[in-house]
Amino acid sequence: MTIKLGSRGSALAVAQASLIGARIEQTGEAVEIVTITTAGDERPGGAQAAQTNDKARFVKEIEAALLTGQIDLAVHSAKDVPGEIADGLVIVGVPERADARDALCGADSLAQLPPEAAVGTASLRRRSQLLAARPDLRVSDLRGNVDTRLRRLAEGDLDAIVLAAAGLERLGSRQGAPIPATKMIPAPGQGCLALEARHGDERAAELGAALTDPPSLLELTAERAVCRALDASCRTPVGAFARHVEGRMLLDAYAGAIDGGTWVRDTLTGPPGDPASLGHTVGQRLLSAGAAEILAAAAGAA
């Protein structure tokens, strides 16, 4: 029986699904990739999309295909998956994480950008942290797939753009200088893939477990716990980045205004065996420092 993998139809999403498909095929299973258009693909920057308070527009149609049995396993960019997933579904696998950092295309570092440089990004999180570090920058909204964004840069419309290092890597692009995660905290789940299946589907659960990298799963769990504590969505500039250091888990988190003028961040270490508690604690500490007010204002301005 063929395993049907559900994916968005972008070049990056298909490349990610193909990576998972190739690993499944190594077990002797046949694989078919089913591309599904999501609301986020149809209206990536329109007014109707802006009214969506969370990331469900990137996964809703794929989850519907799972629930109706059209596909057996969904392959998502983990940063696109809402904190609460649809009833009847479960994340069954998190493969080894790729580079979680953001990448600057057009310059070797933020410091090398000229005064008032024009920088493009579709991410409120990146916008907030760019302006927190360099208030002089002219940050503009940049949407479309990776090729479209790189073309805008090549045509001279912008001095630089910021993309996910993992996406560039998975597309085979050598462009982009990684920005240290201490300077720009990545999106929760950035660099991770999340494999989603129907609850109770033992075959899919076994495949997901076989593909899972335990450290990556623990890191994603901590970062998603930060999101849940902050009630974060795609309209809230939030970063969270967990990694294993000398037997402990180190978690950085950020919440800021869209203009970068106000922000809070926190760093905490904890035992790697309880990542959800670590993430929840960091989220609560950010809330105590004023994150709720900052993020409410950001959501209203988005």
Protein backbone atom coordinates (compact mmCIF):
# COMPACT_ATOMS: atom_id res chain seq x y z
CA MET A 1 0.00 0.00 0.00
CA THR A 2 1.32 3.44 -0.96
CA ILE A 3 1.98 6.02 1.75
CA LYS A 4 0.47 9.33 0.68
CA LEU A 5 2.36 12.37 1.96
CA GLY A 6 0.47 15.67 2.03
CA SER A 7 2.36 18.90 1.38
CA ARG A 8 1.89 22.46 0.27
CA GLY A 9 2.75 22.91 -3.39
CA SER A 10 5.65 25.35 -3.14
CA ALA A 11 9.08 24.26 -4.32
CA LEU A 12 10.37 24.31 -0.74
CA ALA A 13 7.44 22.32 0.67
CA VAL A 14 7.75 19.68 -2.07
CA ALA A 15 11.50 19.46 -1.49
CA GLN A 16 10.84 18.86 2.21
CA ALA A 17 8.22 16.22 1.50
CA SER A 18 10.59 14.57 -0.95
CA LEU A 19 13.25 14.30 1.76
CA ILE A 20 10.76 12.49 3.99
CA GLY A 21 9.51 10.37 1.12
CA ALA A 22 13.02 9.24 0.27
CA ARG A 23 13.62 8.12 3.85
CA ILE A 24 10.33 6.22 3.94
CA GLU A 25 11.13 4.51 0.63
CA GLN A 26 14.35 3.22 2.21
CA THR A 27 12.14 1.08 4.43
CA GLY A 28 10.59 -0.53 1.36
CA GLU A 29 7.35 1.47 1.40
CA ALA A 30 5.99 3.10 -1.75
CA VAL A 31 5.39 6.85 -1.46
CA GLU A 32 3.21 9.37 -3.29
CA ILE A 33 3.41 13.11 -2.64
CA VAL A 34 0.03 14.86 -2.78
CA THR A 35 0.25 18.65 -3.08
CA ILE A 36 -2.54 20.66 -1.47
CA THR A 37 -3.25 24.37 -1.87
CA THR A 38 -3.84 26.09 1.46
CA ALA A 39 -5.56 29.38 2.22
CA GLY A 40 -2.15 30.85 2.98
CA ASP A 41 -0.98 29.94 -0.53
CA GLU A 42 -4.04 31.50 -2.14
CA ARG A 43 -3.96 34.72 -0.09
CA PRO A 44 -0.41 35.08 1.25
CA GLY A 45 -0.72 38.80 1.82
CA GLY A 46 -4.30 39.81 1.24
CA ALA A 47 -6.75 41.42 3.63
CA GLN A 48 -8.62 38.18 4.22
CA ALA A 49 -5.38 36.43 5.19
CA ALA A 50 -4.53 39.24 7.57
CA GLN A 51 -7.78 38.61 9.45
CA THR A 52 -6.60 35.10 10.37
CA ASN A 53 -5.35 35.19 13.93
CA ASP A 54 -3.17 32.10 13.80
CA LYS A 55 -1.16 29.92 11.46
CA ALA A 56 -4.04 27.57 10.59
CA ARG A 57 -4.26 29.04 7.10
CA PHE A 58 -1.03 27.19 6.21
CA VAL A 59 -2.18 23.77 7.42
CA LYS A 60 -5.99 23.68 7.60
CA GLU A 61 -6.60 22.15 4.18
CA ILE A 62 -3.82 19.60 4.69
CA GLU A 63 -5.29 18.61 8.04
CA ALA A 64 -8.70 18.23 6.39
CA ALA A 65 -7.16 15.87 3.85
CA LEU A 66 -5.70 13.85 6.72
CA LEU A 67 -9.02 13.60 8.52
CA THR A 68 -10.83 12.41 5.38
CA GLY A 69 -8.14 9.84 4.56
CA GLN A 70 -6.95 11.49 1.33
CA ILE A 71 -3.42 11.44 2.73
CA ASP A 72 -1.71 9.34 5.40
CA LEU A 73 0.97 11.70 6.68
CA ALA A 74 1.35 15.47 6.46
CA VAL A 75 4.76 17.10 6.13
CA HIS A 76 4.77 20.62 7.58
CA SER A 77 7.37 23.24 8.30
CA ALA A 78 7.05 23.09 12.08
CA LYS A 79 6.99 26.88 12.37
CA ASP A 80 3.72 26.89 10.37
CA VAL A 81 1.90 24.54 12.76
CA PRO A 82 -0.37 26.28 15.31
CA GLY A 83 0.13 25.62 19.00
CA GLU A 84 -3.14 23.67 19.07
CA ILE A 85 -3.70 21.26 16.18
CA ALA A 86 -7.02 19.93 14.91
CA ASP A 87 -8.95 17.38 16.95
CA GLY A 88 -8.24 13.83 15.87
CA LEU A 89 -4.70 14.60 14.69
CA VAL A 90 -1.32 14.30 16.34
CA ILE A 91 2.30 15.12 15.55
CA VAL A 92 3.96 11.71 15.18
CA GLY A 93 7.45 12.67 14.06
CA VAL A 94 10.13 15.36 14.12
CA PRO A 95 13.16 14.50 11.96
CA GLU A 96 16.61 15.89 12.64
CA ARG A 97 16.55 19.66 12.64
CA ALA A 98 18.28 21.68 9.93
CA ASP A 99 19.92 25.06 10.58
CA ALA A 100 17.44 27.02 12.71
CA ARG A 101 18.98 30.41 12.05
CA ASP A 102 17.79 33.21 9.81
CA ALA A 103 19.99 34.09 6.86
CA LEU A 104 20.79 37.53 5.47
CA CYS A 105 20.99 37.65 1.68
CA GLY A 106 22.72 40.70 0.16
CA ALA A 107 25.31 41.35 2.89
CA ASP A 108 27.58 39.33 5.14
CA SER A 109 26.11 40.75 8.35
CA LEU A 110 23.60 43.29 9.66
CA ALA A 111 26.50 45.55 10.63
CA GLN A 112 27.67 45.68 7.01
CA LEU A 113 24.38 47.06 5.71
CA PRO A 114 24.65 50.75 4.80
CA PRO A 115 22.65 53.35 6.74
CA GLU A 116 18.92 53.26 5.91
CA ALA A 117 19.34 50.10 3.85
CA ALA A 118 16.15 48.62 2.39
CA VAL A 119 15.54 45.13 3.79
CA GLY A 120 12.67 42.82 2.82
CA THR A 121 10.93 40.23 4.96
CA ALA A 122 7.43 38.78 5.35
CA SER A 123 7.99 38.01 9.04
CA LEU A 124 6.88 40.34 11.82
CA ARG A 125 9.36 38.60 14.11
CA ARG A 126 12.25 39.40 11.77
CA ARG A 127 11.02 42.95 11.24
CA SER A 128 10.88 43.53 15.00
CA GLN A 129 14.36 42.19 15.65
CA LEU A 130 15.88 43.94 12.62
CA LEU A 131 14.58 47.30 13.81
CA ALA A 132 15.54 46.58 17.42
CA ALA A 133 19.12 46.05 16.23
CA ARG A 134 19.17 48.70 13.46
CA PRO A 135 16.41 51.33 13.84
CA ASP A 136 17.69 53.10 10.72
CA LEU A 137 16.77 50.25 8.39
CA ARG A 138 13.86 50.60 5.98
CA VAL A 139 12.11 47.25 6.39
CA SER A 140 9.46 46.46 3.80
CA ASP A 141 6.99 43.62 3.36
CA LEU A 142 8.31 40.95 1.00
CA ARG A 143 6.14 37.98 0.04
CA GLY A 144 6.21 35.15 -2.45
CA ASN A 145 8.26 31.98 -2.69
CA VAL A 146 12.01 31.89 -2.13
CA ASP A 147 12.84 32.30 -5.83
CA THR A 148 10.56 35.34 -6.08
CA ARG A 149 12.19 36.98 -3.08
CA LEU A 150 15.70 36.30 -4.33
CA ARG A 151 14.75 37.72 -7.71
CA ARG A 152 13.57 40.95 -6.08
CA LEU A 153 16.97 41.20 -4.41
CA ALA A 154 18.83 40.48 -7.66
CA GLU A 155 16.80 43.13 -9.49
CA GLY A 156 17.99 45.75 -7.03
CA ASP A 157 14.62 46.47 -5.41
CA LEU A 158 16.17 45.83 -2.01
CA ASP A 159 19.60 45.97 -0.40
CA ALA A 160 19.04 42.72 1.48
CA ILE A 161 16.40 40.18 2.42
CA VAL A 162 16.08 37.74 5.33
CA LEU A 163 15.09 34.11 4.79
CA ALA A 164 15.31 30.89 6.77
CA ALA A 165 18.72 29.28 6.41
CA ALA A 166 17.08 25.83 6.40
CA GLY A 167 14.88 26.72 3.44
CA LEU A 168 17.82 27.92 1.39
CA GLU A 169 19.73 24.77 2.28
CA ARG A 170 16.87 22.45 1.35
CA LEU A 171 16.52 24.18 -2.02
CA GLY A 172 20.23 23.80 -2.68
CA SER A 173 20.92 27.54 -2.58
CA ARG A 174 24.28 28.79 -1.38
CA GLN A 175 23.04 32.32 -0.82
CA GLY A 176 22.70 33.88 2.60
CA ALA A 177 24.90 34.54 5.61
CA PRO A 178 23.47 32.98 8.78
CA ILE A 179 22.60 35.51 11.49
CA PRO A 180 23.70 34.32 14.95
CA ALA A 181 20.67 33.09 16.88
CA THR A 182 21.78 35.25 19.80
CA LYS A 183 21.29 38.34 17.60
CA MET A 184 18.05 37.25 15.91
CA ILE A 185 16.12 34.59 17.80
CA PRO A 186 14.55 32.21 15.25
CA ALA A 187 10.87 31.42 14.92
CA PRO A 188 9.64 28.58 17.13
CA GLY A 189 10.22 25.38 15.17
CA GLN A 190 12.33 27.00 12.45
CA GLY A 191 14.47 24.37 10.75
CA CYS A 192 12.21 21.55 12.01
CA LEU A 193 9.74 19.46 10.06
CA ALA A 194 6.62 18.18 11.79
CA LEU A 195 4.96 14.97 10.62
CA GLU A 196 1.25 14.89 11.41
CA ALA A 197 -1.14 11.93 11.24
CA ARG A 198 -4.56 10.74 12.37
CA HIS A 199 -4.76 9.77 16.01
CA GLY A 200 -4.72 6.00 16.24
CA ASP A 201 -3.09 5.41 12.84
CA GLU A 202 -0.45 2.94 14.03
CA ARG A 203 1.27 2.64 10.65
CA ALA A 204 1.80 6.40 10.37
CA ALA A 205 2.86 6.60 14.01
CA GLU A 206 5.50 3.92 13.46
CA LEU A 207 6.85 5.72 10.40
CA GLY A 208 6.95 9.01 12.26
CA ALA A 209 8.72 7.49 15.26
CA ALA A 210 11.32 5.88 13.01
CA LEU A 211 12.09 9.25 11.43
CA THR A 212 12.20 11.18 14.71
CA ASP A 213 15.38 12.72 16.10
CA PRO A 214 14.82 12.87 19.90
CA PRO A 215 16.86 16.06 20.57
CA SER A 216 14.99 17.90 17.79
CA LEU A 217 11.66 16.74 19.19
CA LEU A 218 12.58 18.01 22.67
CA GLU A 219 13.69 21.38 21.29
CA LEU A 220 10.50 21.79 19.29
CA THR A 221 8.43 20.87 22.34
CA ALA A 222 10.07 23.62 24.41
CA GLU A 223 9.61 26.24 21.70
CA ARG A 224 5.96 25.36 21.11
CA ALA A 225 5.35 25.61 24.86
CA VAL A 226 6.59 29.21 24.74
CA CYS A 227 4.08 29.93 21.96
CA ARG A 228 1.22 28.43 23.91
CA ALA A 229 2.13 30.40 27.04
CA LEU A 230 2.19 33.63 25.03
CA ASP A 231 -0.86 32.69 22.90
CA ALA A 232 1.36 33.51 19.93
CA SER A 233 0.21 33.54 16.32
CA CYS A 234 1.63 34.56 12.96
CA ARG A 235 0.65 38.14 13.84
CA THR A 236 2.77 38.27 16.99
CA PRO A 237 6.54 38.91 16.78
CA VAL A 238 7.75 35.98 18.88
CA GLY A 239 10.99 34.04 18.71
CA ALA A 240 12.00 30.92 20.62
CA PHE A 241 15.11 28.80 20.19
CA ALA A 242 16.07 25.76 22.26
CA ARG A 243 19.26 23.75 22.00
CA HIS A 244 21.15 21.16 24.01
CA VAL A 245 24.29 22.44 25.75
CA GLU A 246 26.42 20.28 28.04
CA GLY A 247 23.57 18.03 29.09
CA ARG A 248 21.12 20.87 29.69
CA MET A 249 18.55 22.58 27.50
CA LEU A 250 19.13 26.27 26.84
CA LEU A 251 16.09 28.26 25.72
CA ASP A 252 16.07 31.84 24.39
CA ALA A 253 12.79 33.66 23.71
CA TYR A 254 11.81 37.08 22.39
CA ALA A 255 8.62 39.13 22.14
CA GLY A 256 8.65 42.58 20.59
CA ALA A 257 6.79 45.43 18.99
CA ILE A 258 6.61 45.49 15.20
CA ASP A 259 8.74 48.65 15.08
CA GLY A 260 11.37 47.12 17.37
CA GLY A 261 11.02 49.97 19.82
CA THR A 262 9.87 47.80 22.71
CA TRP A 263 10.83 44.22 23.37
CA VAL A 264 11.53 41.65 26.07
CA ARG A 265 13.68 38.56 25.91
CA ASP A 266 14.69 35.83 28.31
CA THR A 267 17.17 32.97 28.56
CA LEU A 268 16.78 29.98 30.85
CA THR A 269 18.32 26.54 31.17
CA GLY A 270 16.61 23.41 32.43
CA PRO A 271 16.69 19.63 32.30
CA PRO A 272 16.17 18.37 28.73
CA GLY A 273 13.70 15.75 29.92
CA ASP A 274 10.96 18.31 30.66
CA PRO A 275 11.00 20.74 27.73
CA ALA A 276 7.33 21.69 28.02
CA SER A 277 7.81 22.98 31.56
CA LEU A 278 10.90 24.94 30.53
CA GLY A 279 9.03 26.56 27.65
CA HIS A 280 6.03 27.36 29.81
CA THR A 281 8.23 28.94 32.47
CA VAL A 282 10.02 31.12 29.93
CA GLY A 283 6.69 32.20 28.46
CA GLN A 284 5.37 33.14 31.88
CA ARG A 285 8.53 35.10 32.63
CA LEU A 286 8.07 37.06 29.42
CA LEU A 287 4.46 37.77 30.33
CA SER A 288 5.59 39.04 33.74
CA ALA A 289 8.00 41.36 31.93
CA GLY A 290 5.22 42.90 29.83
CA ALA A 291 5.04 40.64 26.78
CA ALA A 292 1.22 40.47 26.80
CA GLU A 293 0.85 44.23 26.31
CA ILE A 294 3.58 44.32 23.68
CA LEU A 295 2.11 41.47 21.67
CA ALA A 296 -1.46 42.78 21.95
CA ALA A 297 -0.32 46.07 20.45
CA ALA A 298 1.61 44.24 17.74
CA ALA A 299 -1.40 42.09 16.79
CA GLY A 300 -3.57 45.20 16.56
CA ALA A 301 -1.06 46.93 14.30
CA ALA A 302 -0.39 43.95 11.99
